[in-house]
Amino acid sequence: MYIITLYGICTGKFALQHMLLGYRKVFMMKLLTITVPSYNSEAYLDRCMATLLPGGDEVEILIVDDGSTDRTAEIADEYERKYPNIVRAIHKENGGHGDAVTTGIRNATGLFFKVVDSDDSLAPEAYKQVLDFLRRIVKKNHELDMLISNFVYDRHDENGDVLRQKSIDYRKTLPRGRFFSWKEIGKFQTGHYLLMHAVIYRTSLLKGINLTLPKHTFYVDNIYVYKPFPYVRVMYYLDVDFYMYYTGREDQSVNQQVMMKRIDQQDRVNRIIFDAFDLEKISNKKLRSYLYSYLQIMCTVTTVHYALINTEDSKQKKEYSDEVMKPNRRPGRQKTLRDEGNIGLRPTLVRESDDLNTQKLRRICPLPQRTKRRGLVDEVMQ
């Protein structure tokens, strides 16, 4: 009898401890995880963190040190020591921006997930509004896969002084003040596509599709805002200028000279996106149209950069692009997506010798015939 009673007390004690641990996990769950990919960011990480920390204990900040060779790791550790309930410093071998984002997704405990690059920042008042909104929908147990907000091109000169700020909003495209699906979106303006800076995902969605970005590759933010979209069902547009996208540094990946040097990586990202899924099997017409347009503009920007490069290698690739994009430059059978029941895309050349995937990619990625090349890049990138 005593043995049974003792066993009952012990098992009850363990059950109580397990239950309390479960409650602790629930109460410790963060509202939002912000991942900060950081490589040699000692010059601007403090400025970024100053705008993230006001989120308080509801926010989990993951500083992912991507094998930095400066003081970034030391700075990250100091933030973790100073704010143990908010900041976690994660150290890893260098794998590039995409691998740092993937690491953030794998380690995230927040209900929602946001990427903030270490040289960017968040607007204070908009930050409060975003957290207030997320808090309300969690309290009401409302489903949400993606929260969309505005971002600002925050252009600075070499001294750090502001030259120009341009807000990218979606007022003409997305419903406001209510939840919506892809069926209810309008047409996106050129230069107003959904970039990484504009979105907050439900963390379980990213983990559920096992989103993994390639290592040692630039421009993977395009993959980040492309692959999850077919799995997004419920969205909300919060019309606030939330993300401040710092531009103007000569070493930035979106600097035109840098982009031309990394043209092969643009190509690689385009291929990864193209291979992500068969667009013709996307049942929602508006989503399918948006994904086509996004891939098309990416390929166009890459083609324009090939045209601006003057190396022998780029000349060969430009000749290839010209053959693909301009039917009158090369003999072959001209065929369009219109022939296959997809109305509205510009005719492009398809060679019968191409495999099926190459034919599809060429139809999706035409070079606009009446667009000045430099002007197009400026319009899309800015």
Protein backbone atom coordinates (compact mmCIF):
# COMPACT_ATOMS: atom_id res chain seq x y z
CA MET A 1 0.00 0.00 0.00
CA TYR A 2 2.79 2.37 0.97
CA ILE A 3 4.67 1.43 -2.17
CA ILE A 4 1.61 2.14 -4.32
CA THR A 5 1.05 5.47 -2.55
CA LEU A 6 4.70 6.42 -2.97
CA TYR A 7 4.53 5.46 -6.66
CA GLY A 8 1.42 7.57 -7.08
CA ILE A 9 3.06 10.57 -5.42
CA CYS A 10 6.16 10.25 -7.59
CA THR A 11 4.27 9.80 -10.84
CA GLY A 12 1.96 12.64 -9.89
CA LYS A 13 4.98 14.83 -9.17
CA PHE A 14 6.53 14.01 -12.54
CA ALA A 15 3.23 14.60 -14.30
CA LEU A 16 2.91 17.98 -12.57
CA GLN A 17 6.46 18.92 -13.56
CA HIS A 18 5.75 17.90 -17.16
CA MET A 19 2.54 19.94 -17.18
CA LEU A 20 4.28 23.00 -15.73
CA LEU A 21 7.03 22.64 -18.32
CA GLY A 22 4.37 22.57 -21.03
CA TYR A 23 2.72 25.72 -19.65
CA ARG A 24 6.12 27.36 -19.41
CA LYS A 25 6.76 26.65 -23.09
CA VAL A 26 3.36 28.09 -24.02
CA PHE A 27 3.92 31.27 -22.01
CA MET A 28 7.48 31.61 -23.28
CA MET A 29 6.41 31.36 -26.93
CA LYS A 30 7.27 34.58 -28.66
CA LEU A 31 4.91 36.54 -30.83
CA LEU A 32 7.50 37.36 -33.48
CA THR A 33 10.94 36.03 -34.36
CA ILE A 34 13.24 38.51 -36.11
CA THR A 35 16.27 36.94 -37.73
CA VAL A 36 19.22 39.23 -38.38
CA PRO A 37 21.69 37.64 -40.84
CA SER A 38 25.04 39.20 -40.00
CA TYR A 39 28.37 38.99 -41.76
CA ASN A 40 31.07 41.51 -40.84
CA SER A 41 28.37 43.86 -39.59
CA GLU A 42 30.22 45.58 -36.76
CA ALA A 43 29.78 49.00 -38.39
CA TYR A 44 25.98 48.97 -38.44
CA LEU A 45 24.64 46.12 -36.26
CA ASP A 46 24.14 48.45 -33.27
CA ARG A 47 22.02 50.81 -35.36
CA CYS A 48 19.85 47.90 -36.49
CA MET A 49 19.45 46.43 -32.99
CA ALA A 50 18.47 49.81 -31.54
CA THR A 51 15.30 49.64 -33.64
CA LEU A 52 14.52 45.97 -32.88
CA LEU A 53 14.90 45.86 -29.09
CA PRO A 54 11.89 48.12 -28.33
CA GLY A 55 9.72 45.12 -29.27
CA GLY A 56 10.42 43.80 -25.80
CA ASP A 57 9.87 40.28 -24.47
CA GLU A 58 7.24 39.45 -27.08
CA VAL A 59 9.96 39.46 -29.73
CA GLU A 60 12.74 36.93 -30.23
CA ILE A 61 15.80 38.39 -31.98
CA LEU A 62 18.16 35.87 -33.54
CA ILE A 63 21.50 37.39 -34.53
CA VAL A 64 22.94 34.82 -36.92
CA ASP A 65 26.68 35.41 -37.15
CA ASP A 66 27.62 33.94 -40.52
CA GLY A 67 31.30 33.26 -39.84
CA SER A 68 32.24 36.93 -39.49
CA THR A 69 35.91 37.91 -39.32
CA ASP A 70 35.36 41.23 -37.52
CA ARG A 71 33.72 41.95 -34.13
CA THR A 72 30.22 40.89 -35.18
CA ALA A 73 30.31 37.69 -33.09
CA GLU A 74 31.49 39.60 -30.03
CA ILE A 75 28.77 42.23 -30.45
CA ALA A 76 26.10 39.51 -30.85
CA ASP A 77 27.24 37.76 -27.67
CA GLU A 78 27.13 41.03 -25.77
CA TYR A 79 23.51 41.60 -26.82
CA GLU A 80 22.61 38.08 -25.69
CA ARG A 81 24.22 38.68 -22.27
CA LYS A 82 22.47 42.02 -21.89
CA TYR A 83 19.05 40.86 -23.14
CA PRO A 84 18.88 37.10 -22.37
CA ASN A 85 15.08 36.94 -22.70
CA ILE A 86 15.07 38.63 -26.09
CA VAL A 87 18.31 38.02 -27.99
CA ARG A 88 20.01 34.80 -29.02
CA ALA A 89 23.39 34.83 -30.73
CA ILE A 90 23.86 31.96 -33.17
CA HIS A 91 27.33 31.33 -34.56
CA LYS A 92 27.92 29.26 -37.69
CA GLU A 93 30.41 28.72 -40.45
CA ASN A 94 30.10 31.07 -43.37
CA GLY A 95 27.31 29.94 -45.67
CA GLY A 96 26.00 33.19 -47.08
CA HIS A 97 22.87 35.24 -46.52
CA GLY A 98 20.48 32.47 -47.52
CA ASP A 99 22.02 29.94 -45.16
CA ALA A 100 21.79 32.47 -42.32
CA VAL A 101 18.07 32.95 -43.03
CA THR A 102 17.58 29.17 -43.13
CA THR A 103 19.34 28.90 -39.76
CA GLY A 104 16.98 31.53 -38.40
CA ILE A 105 13.93 29.60 -39.59
CA ARG A 106 15.24 26.37 -38.01
CA ASN A 107 15.81 28.08 -34.64
CA ALA A 108 12.74 30.31 -34.55
CA THR A 109 10.26 29.87 -31.69
CA GLY A 110 8.01 32.84 -32.49
CA LEU A 111 4.56 32.45 -34.02
CA PHE A 112 5.56 34.73 -36.90
CA PHE A 113 8.86 35.23 -38.71
CA LYS A 114 10.59 38.31 -40.10
CA VAL A 115 14.03 38.85 -41.68
CA VAL A 116 15.79 42.15 -41.01
CA ASP A 117 19.22 42.56 -42.59
CA SER A 118 21.91 43.86 -40.27
CA ASP A 119 22.30 47.15 -42.16
CA ASP A 120 18.56 47.88 -42.20
CA SER A 121 16.12 49.01 -39.52
CA LEU A 122 12.46 49.18 -38.48
CA ALA A 123 10.37 52.32 -38.09
CA PRO A 124 9.42 52.67 -34.37
CA GLU A 125 5.75 53.63 -34.65
CA ALA A 126 5.05 51.10 -37.40
CA TYR A 127 6.82 48.43 -35.31
CA LYS A 128 4.33 49.05 -32.48
CA GLN A 129 1.40 48.81 -34.89
CA VAL A 130 2.66 45.53 -36.35
CA LEU A 131 3.07 43.97 -32.90
CA ASP A 132 -0.35 45.28 -31.80
CA PHE A 133 -1.95 43.71 -34.85
CA LEU A 134 -0.22 40.35 -34.40
CA ARG A 135 -1.16 40.35 -30.73
CA ARG A 136 -4.83 40.94 -31.55
CA ILE A 137 -5.11 38.18 -34.14
CA VAL A 138 -3.37 35.68 -31.85
CA LYS A 139 -5.77 36.59 -29.04
CA LYS A 140 -8.71 36.07 -31.40
CA ASN A 141 -7.15 32.88 -32.77
CA HIS A 142 -7.49 34.22 -36.32
CA GLU A 143 -5.67 32.41 -39.09
CA LEU A 144 -2.94 34.39 -40.88
CA ASP A 145 -0.25 33.09 -43.21
CA MET A 146 1.36 36.34 -44.32
CA LEU A 147 1.29 39.92 -43.09
CA ILE A 148 2.26 42.53 -45.68
CA SER A 149 3.45 46.05 -44.92
CA ASN A 150 5.22 48.85 -46.78
CA PHE A 151 8.97 49.29 -46.96
CA VAL A 152 11.08 52.38 -47.60
CA TYR A 153 14.13 52.74 -49.83
CA ASP A 154 16.33 54.66 -47.41
CA ARG A 155 19.13 55.99 -49.63
CA HIS A 156 22.23 57.51 -48.03
CA ASP A 157 25.44 59.08 -49.29
CA GLU A 158 28.97 57.98 -48.36
CA ASN A 159 28.76 60.02 -45.14
CA GLY A 160 25.54 58.35 -44.03
CA ASP A 161 23.35 61.38 -44.71
CA VAL A 162 19.88 60.74 -46.13
CA LEU A 163 19.62 61.50 -49.85
CA ARG A 164 16.16 60.15 -50.57
CA GLN A 165 13.42 58.06 -49.02
CA LYS A 166 10.87 56.36 -51.23
CA SER A 167 8.01 54.34 -49.78
CA ILE A 168 6.79 51.26 -51.62
CA ASP A 169 3.16 50.63 -50.79
CA TYR A 170 0.43 48.32 -52.12
CA ARG A 171 -2.64 50.53 -51.77
CA LYS A 172 -3.64 50.13 -55.41
CA THR A 173 -3.17 46.36 -55.33
CA LEU A 174 -4.24 44.89 -51.99
CA PRO A 175 -7.44 45.20 -49.92
CA ARG A 176 -7.05 47.17 -46.71
CA GLY A 177 -8.64 46.66 -43.32
CA ARG A 178 -9.56 43.00 -43.81
CA PHE A 179 -8.16 39.53 -44.40
CA PHE A 180 -8.03 38.38 -48.01
CA SER A 181 -6.81 35.64 -50.37
CA TRP A 182 -4.99 35.64 -53.71
CA LYS A 183 -8.32 35.80 -55.53
CA GLU A 184 -8.86 39.32 -54.23
CA ILE A 185 -5.56 40.96 -55.20
CA GLY A 186 -5.22 43.54 -57.97
CA LYS A 187 -2.47 44.06 -60.50
CA PHE A 188 0.96 44.87 -59.07
CA GLN A 189 2.69 47.99 -60.37
CA THR A 190 6.21 47.69 -61.79
CA GLY A 191 8.66 48.10 -58.93
CA HIS A 192 5.96 47.33 -56.34
CA TYR A 193 6.34 43.58 -56.10
CA LEU A 194 6.28 41.77 -52.76
CA LEU A 195 9.90 41.72 -51.63
CA MET A 196 11.37 40.16 -48.51
CA HIS A 197 11.22 43.52 -46.72
CA ALA A 198 7.43 43.63 -47.09
CA VAL A 199 6.42 40.27 -45.64
CA ILE A 200 6.05 38.52 -42.30
CA TYR A 201 5.28 34.80 -42.55
CA ARG A 202 3.65 32.41 -40.12
CA THR A 203 6.66 30.48 -38.84
CA SER A 204 4.96 27.09 -39.00
CA LEU A 205 4.30 27.66 -42.72
CA LEU A 206 8.01 28.13 -43.47
CA LYS A 207 8.93 25.12 -41.35
CA GLY A 208 6.11 23.06 -42.84
CA ILE A 209 7.41 23.49 -46.40
CA ASN A 210 10.99 23.08 -45.17
CA LEU A 211 12.08 26.32 -46.83
CA THR A 212 15.82 26.05 -47.40
CA LEU A 213 17.78 28.75 -49.19
CA PRO A 214 20.97 27.89 -51.11
CA LYS A 215 24.37 28.50 -49.54
CA HIS A 216 26.91 31.01 -50.85
CA THR A 217 24.39 32.62 -53.18
CA PHE A 218 23.26 36.23 -53.41
CA TYR A 219 19.73 37.41 -54.27
CA VAL A 220 18.10 34.48 -52.44
CA ASP A 221 15.55 36.90 -50.96
CA ASN A 222 13.73 36.38 -54.27
CA ILE A 223 13.41 32.68 -53.45
CA TYR A 224 12.23 33.60 -49.95
CA VAL A 225 9.28 35.56 -51.35
CA TYR A 226 8.47 33.13 -54.16
CA LYS A 227 8.52 29.54 -52.93
CA PRO A 228 6.08 29.98 -49.99
CA PHE A 229 3.42 31.90 -51.96
CA PRO A 230 1.43 28.89 -53.25
CA TYR A 231 1.06 27.76 -49.63
CA VAL A 232 -0.19 31.14 -48.42
CA ARG A 233 -3.98 31.25 -48.10
CA VAL A 234 -4.84 34.09 -45.70
CA MET A 235 -3.17 37.50 -45.92
CA TYR A 236 -3.54 40.94 -44.39
CA TYR A 237 -2.12 44.25 -45.60
CA LEU A 238 -1.13 46.71 -42.88
CA ASP A 239 -0.58 50.06 -44.58
CA VAL A 240 2.40 51.31 -42.57
CA ASP A 241 5.99 52.13 -43.57
CA PHE A 242 7.58 49.40 -41.46
CA TYR A 243 10.91 48.34 -42.98
CA MET A 244 13.69 50.82 -43.72
CA TYR A 245 15.80 49.38 -46.54
CA TYR A 246 19.19 51.07 -46.37
CA THR A 247 20.79 51.69 -49.77
CA GLY A 248 23.83 53.57 -50.96
CA ARG A 249 26.77 51.44 -49.83
CA GLU A 250 29.11 50.60 -52.69
CA ASP A 251 29.48 46.98 -51.55
CA GLN A 252 25.75 46.25 -51.42
CA SER A 253 24.52 43.30 -53.46
CA VAL A 254 21.93 45.51 -55.21
CA ASN A 255 24.53 48.04 -56.33
CA GLN A 256 24.40 47.84 -60.12
CA GLN A 257 28.15 47.30 -60.55
CA VAL A 258 28.07 44.55 -57.91
CA MET A 259 25.06 42.94 -59.59
CA MET A 260 26.87 42.81 -62.90
CA LYS A 261 29.84 41.10 -61.24
CA ARG A 262 27.46 38.53 -59.76
CA ILE A 263 25.41 37.98 -62.88
CA ASP A 264 25.89 34.20 -62.74
CA GLN A 265 24.29 34.15 -59.29
CA GLN A 266 21.29 36.02 -60.64
CA ASP A 267 21.04 33.30 -63.27
CA ARG A 268 21.24 30.60 -60.63
CA VAL A 269 18.46 32.13 -58.54
CA ASN A 270 16.27 32.49 -61.65
CA ARG A 271 16.72 28.79 -62.40
CA ILE A 272 15.95 27.76 -58.81
CA ILE A 273 12.75 29.79 -58.86
CA PHE A 274 11.76 28.43 -62.25
CA ASP A 275 12.26 24.87 -61.05
CA ALA A 276 10.35 25.44 -57.78
CA PHE A 277 7.03 24.29 -59.21
CA ASP A 278 5.07 24.04 -62.45
CA LEU A 279 3.26 27.36 -62.77
CA GLU A 280 0.80 25.93 -65.24
CA LYS A 281 -0.53 23.73 -62.42
CA ILE A 282 -1.22 26.69 -60.10
CA SER A 283 -5.01 26.72 -60.05
CA ASN A 284 -5.49 30.28 -58.78
CA LYS A 285 -5.29 32.52 -61.85
CA LYS A 286 -4.23 35.68 -60.02
CA LEU A 287 -1.50 33.91 -58.08
CA ARG A 288 -0.28 32.22 -61.24
CA SER A 289 -0.23 35.54 -63.08
CA TYR A 290 1.73 37.21 -60.28
CA LEU A 291 4.30 34.40 -60.15
CA TYR A 292 4.74 34.56 -63.93
CA SER A 293 5.22 38.33 -63.79
CA TYR A 294 7.72 38.10 -60.94
CA LEU A 295 9.84 35.52 -62.73
CA GLN A 296 9.59 37.49 -65.95
CA ILE A 297 10.89 40.71 -64.40
CA MET A 298 13.74 38.85 -62.69
CA CYS A 299 14.85 37.34 -65.98
CA THR A 300 14.55 40.71 -67.67
CA VAL A 301 16.80 42.41 -65.11
CA THR A 302 19.38 39.65 -65.57
CA THR A 303 19.25 40.05 -69.34
CA VAL A 304 19.69 43.81 -69.05
CA HIS A 305 22.78 43.34 -66.89
CA TYR A 306 24.26 40.94 -69.42
CA ALA A 307 23.78 43.69 -72.01
CA LEU A 308 25.61 46.22 -69.82
CA ILE A 309 28.68 44.05 -69.21
CA ASN A 310 31.56 44.33 -71.68
CA THR A 311 33.61 41.20 -70.96
CA GLU A 312 34.03 38.52 -73.62
CA ASP A 313 32.11 36.03 -71.49
CA SER A 314 29.21 38.44 -71.05
CA LYS A 315 29.17 39.19 -74.79
CA GLN A 316 28.63 35.51 -75.49
CA LYS A 317 25.85 35.37 -72.90
CA LYS A 318 24.32 38.56 -74.29
CA GLU A 319 24.31 36.99 -77.75
CA TYR A 320 22.57 33.98 -76.26
CA SER A 321 20.04 36.23 -74.52
CA ASP A 322 19.43 38.17 -77.71
CA GLU A 323 18.79 34.93 -79.56
CA VAL A 324 16.31 33.89 -76.90
CA MET A 325 14.58 37.22 -76.44
CA LYS A 326 14.45 38.58 -80.00
CA PRO A 327 12.88 36.28 -82.58
CA ASN A 328 14.25 38.19 -85.59
CA ARG A 329 17.85 37.44 -84.51
CA ARG A 330 17.66 33.69 -84.95
CA PRO A 331 15.78 31.24 -87.14
CA GLY A 332 13.39 28.97 -85.35
CA ARG A 333 9.77 28.24 -84.64
CA GLN A 334 8.09 31.11 -82.85
CA LYS A 335 5.60 30.03 -80.26
CA THR A 336 3.94 31.86 -77.40
CA LEU A 337 2.11 31.02 -74.22
CA ARG A 338 -0.95 32.34 -76.02
CA ASP A 339 -0.75 29.20 -78.15
CA GLU A 340 -1.13 27.15 -74.97
CA GLY A 341 -4.10 29.07 -73.62
CA ASN A 342 -2.13 31.57 -71.48
CA ILE A 343 -3.23 34.98 -72.67
CA GLY A 344 -1.27 38.19 -72.29
CA LEU A 345 2.42 37.28 -72.38
CA ARG A 346 4.70 38.76 -75.02
CA PRO A 347 5.72 36.44 -77.91
CA THR A 348 9.23 35.00 -77.58
CA LEU A 349 11.38 32.59 -79.50
CA VAL A 350 11.31 28.88 -78.80
CA ARG A 351 13.69 26.56 -80.58
CA GLU A 352 12.51 23.06 -81.37
CA SER A 353 15.90 21.72 -80.26
CA ASP A 354 15.32 22.95 -76.68
CA ASP A 355 14.12 20.62 -73.97
CA LEU A 356 10.68 21.33 -72.54
CA ASN A 357 11.89 23.21 -69.43
CA THR A 358 14.16 25.49 -71.45
CA GLN A 359 11.29 26.26 -73.83
CA LYS A 360 9.06 27.21 -70.91
CA LEU A 361 11.72 29.42 -69.33
CA ARG A 362 12.31 31.27 -72.59
CA ARG A 363 8.61 31.99 -73.00
CA ILE A 364 8.38 33.34 -69.46
CA CYS A 365 11.45 35.59 -69.71
CA PRO A 366 11.20 37.91 -72.70
CA LEU A 367 13.03 41.23 -72.90
CA PRO A 368 10.49 44.08 -73.18
CA GLN A 369 10.86 45.50 -76.67
CA ARG A 370 10.31 49.17 -75.96
CA THR A 371 12.06 49.65 -72.63
CA LYS A 372 15.36 51.47 -72.16
CA ARG A 373 17.68 49.01 -70.49
CA ARG A 374 19.13 51.25 -67.78
CA GLY A 375 15.74 52.78 -67.10
CA LEU A 376 14.20 49.37 -66.56
CA VAL A 377 16.82 48.37 -64.02
CA ASP A 378 16.34 51.63 -62.12
CA GLU A 379 12.56 51.19 -62.14
CA VAL A 380 12.64 47.61 -60.94
CA MET A 381 15.41 47.94 -58.37
CA GLN A 382 14.32 51.31 -56.97
